Amino acid sequence: MYGVANVVARVNDPGRRDLFVKQGIRTVSVPLSVSAGLENAVLRPNLFQILTDRPKEYDVLETALRSRALAGRRLRDVRLPGGSLILLIRRESELIAPRGSTILQAGDLVTLAGDPESVWGAARLLGGAPDR
């Protein structure tokens, strides 16, 4: 949309959020962001710290599966770099907890975690990240 992959807008009036969402624009509301941040800091402190104060030796990345060679394959048959892990797969509006039997589909959004070199290597393998 608009020639960019990811459009995000800050919404000052939460009542108008739907206008943005209908156009495919992701929204951020400051009051909701603050409350979600506090909730995650309390309920998921380790995850919150990884995402906000990420140490240099750890990375989290979301990438799209564009590799034709991997589409249609079971996750157990895909050899990712050793220091990387698939945490989550988003397929359209469905969230999938990855298992060895999970079959990858073109366009899946894959959340990777691990050491930066392995994470970026896995993203390149999946066909969703450029060399950095």
Protein backbone atom coordinates (compact mmCIF):
# COMPACT_ATOMS: atom_id res chain seq x y z
CA MET A 1 0.00 0.00 0.00
CA TYR A 2 1.24 3.49 -0.82
CA GLY A 3 4.39 1.91 -2.27
CA VAL A 4 5.68 0.67 1.10
CA ALA A 5 5.43 -2.74 2.74
CA ASN A 6 4.16 -1.65 6.14
CA VAL A 7 2.08 1.47 6.82
CA VAL A 8 1.53 2.44 10.46
CA ALA A 9 -0.33 5.50 11.74
CA ARG A 10 -0.67 6.99 15.21
CA VAL A 11 -4.36 7.42 15.99
CA ASN A 12 -5.19 10.26 18.36
CA ASP A 13 -8.90 9.44 18.51
CA PRO A 14 -9.39 5.70 19.16
CA GLY A 15 -12.95 6.06 17.83
CA ARG A 16 -11.52 6.69 14.35
CA ARG A 17 -9.23 3.63 14.35
CA ASP A 18 -11.61 1.64 12.12
CA LEU A 19 -11.19 4.20 9.32
CA PHE A 20 -7.49 3.38 9.16
CA VAL A 21 -7.91 -0.38 9.57
CA LYS A 22 -10.41 -0.50 6.67
CA GLN A 23 -7.68 0.95 4.46
CA GLY A 24 -5.17 -1.70 5.56
CA ILE A 25 -3.22 0.69 7.79
CA ARG A 26 -1.90 -0.63 11.10
CA THR A 27 -2.61 1.72 13.96
CA VAL A 28 -0.97 2.73 17.21
CA SER A 29 -2.89 4.46 19.96
CA VAL A 30 -0.71 5.99 22.67
CA PRO A 31 -3.05 5.15 25.59
CA LEU A 32 -3.51 1.56 24.39
CA SER A 33 0.23 1.18 23.72
CA VAL A 34 1.11 2.30 27.22
CA SER A 35 -1.41 -0.04 28.84
CA ALA A 36 -0.32 -2.97 26.62
CA GLY A 37 3.33 -2.24 27.46
CA LEU A 38 2.61 -2.20 31.19
CA GLU A 39 0.56 -5.39 30.95
CA ASN A 40 3.34 -7.18 29.08
CA ALA A 41 6.02 -5.90 31.47
CA VAL A 42 4.06 -7.40 34.38
CA LEU A 43 2.73 -10.62 32.83
CA ARG A 44 5.57 -11.43 30.39
CA PRO A 45 8.68 -9.74 31.75
CA ASN A 46 11.21 -11.85 29.86
CA LEU A 47 9.46 -11.41 26.50
CA PHE A 48 8.98 -7.70 27.20
CA GLN A 49 12.68 -7.30 27.95
CA ILE A 50 13.73 -9.20 24.82
CA LEU A 51 11.52 -7.01 22.62
CA THR A 52 12.34 -3.68 24.25
CA ASP A 53 15.90 -3.99 25.60
CA ARG A 54 17.09 -6.66 23.19
CA PRO A 55 20.65 -7.73 23.90
CA LYS A 56 23.05 -7.62 20.94
CA GLU A 57 23.48 -11.38 21.01
CA TYR A 58 19.73 -11.99 20.44
CA ASP A 59 17.36 -10.97 17.67
CA VAL A 60 13.66 -11.36 16.84
CA LEU A 61 12.51 -10.92 13.25
CA GLU A 62 9.29 -11.42 11.31
CA THR A 63 9.67 -12.36 7.65
CA ALA A 64 7.44 -13.62 4.87
CA LEU A 65 7.94 -17.07 3.35
CA ARG A 66 8.70 -16.39 -0.32
CA SER A 67 10.86 -19.41 -1.11
CA ARG A 68 9.07 -21.65 -3.60
CA ALA A 69 11.36 -24.50 -2.57
CA LEU A 70 10.10 -24.39 1.03
CA ALA A 71 6.39 -23.77 0.39
CA GLY A 72 4.49 -27.02 0.91
CA ARG A 73 7.22 -28.60 3.08
CA ARG A 74 6.82 -29.74 6.65
CA LEU A 75 8.72 -27.67 9.16
CA ARG A 76 10.68 -30.73 10.34
CA ASP A 77 12.13 -31.05 6.83
CA VAL A 78 13.46 -27.47 6.76
CA ARG A 79 17.05 -27.05 7.98
CA LEU A 80 17.34 -23.63 9.60
CA PRO A 81 20.65 -22.29 10.91
CA GLY A 82 21.35 -23.87 14.31
CA GLY A 83 20.98 -20.74 16.40
CA SER A 84 17.50 -19.86 15.10
CA LEU A 85 14.02 -20.92 16.08
CA ILE A 86 10.57 -20.33 14.59
CA LEU A 87 8.38 -18.93 17.37
CA LEU A 88 5.14 -18.31 15.50
CA ILE A 89 3.55 -18.49 12.07
CA ARG A 90 0.81 -16.10 10.99
CA ARG A 91 -1.24 -17.32 8.04
CA GLU A 92 -3.71 -14.62 7.04
CA SER A 93 -5.64 -14.06 10.31
CA GLU A 94 -4.65 -17.41 11.88
CA LEU A 95 -1.83 -17.73 14.43
CA ILE A 96 -0.07 -21.10 14.31
CA ALA A 97 2.17 -22.55 17.01
CA PRO A 98 4.82 -24.25 14.87
CA ARG A 99 5.31 -27.99 15.12
CA GLY A 100 7.38 -30.37 13.05
CA SER A 101 4.25 -31.41 11.14
CA THR A 102 3.29 -27.82 10.26
CA ILE A 103 3.28 -27.36 6.49
CA LEU A 104 4.68 -24.04 5.34
CA GLN A 105 2.71 -22.02 2.81
CA ALA A 106 3.81 -19.19 0.56
CA GLY A 107 3.08 -15.88 2.23
CA ASP A 108 3.24 -17.22 5.79
CA LEU A 109 4.62 -14.59 8.17
CA VAL A 110 7.24 -16.36 10.24
CA THR A 111 8.57 -14.98 13.54
CA LEU A 112 12.18 -16.04 14.13
CA ALA A 113 14.34 -15.70 17.23
CA GLY A 114 17.93 -16.51 18.12
CA ASP A 115 21.42 -15.20 17.56
CA PRO A 116 21.40 -12.45 14.91
CA GLU A 117 23.49 -14.25 12.30
CA SER A 118 21.31 -17.38 12.47
CA VAL A 119 18.06 -15.38 12.47
CA TRP A 120 19.06 -13.39 9.40
CA GLY A 121 20.35 -16.57 7.73
CA ALA A 122 16.99 -18.24 8.37
CA ALA A 123 15.17 -15.18 7.00
CA ARG A 124 17.26 -15.34 3.81
CA LEU A 125 16.56 -19.08 3.51
CA LEU A 126 12.82 -18.39 3.79
CA GLY A 127 13.24 -15.80 1.06
CA GLY A 128 12.02 -12.87 3.08
CA ALA A 129 15.08 -10.86 4.06
CA PRO A 130 17.88 -9.20 2.14
CA ASP A 131 21.51 -9.59 3.08
CA ARG A 132 22.34 -7.11 5.80
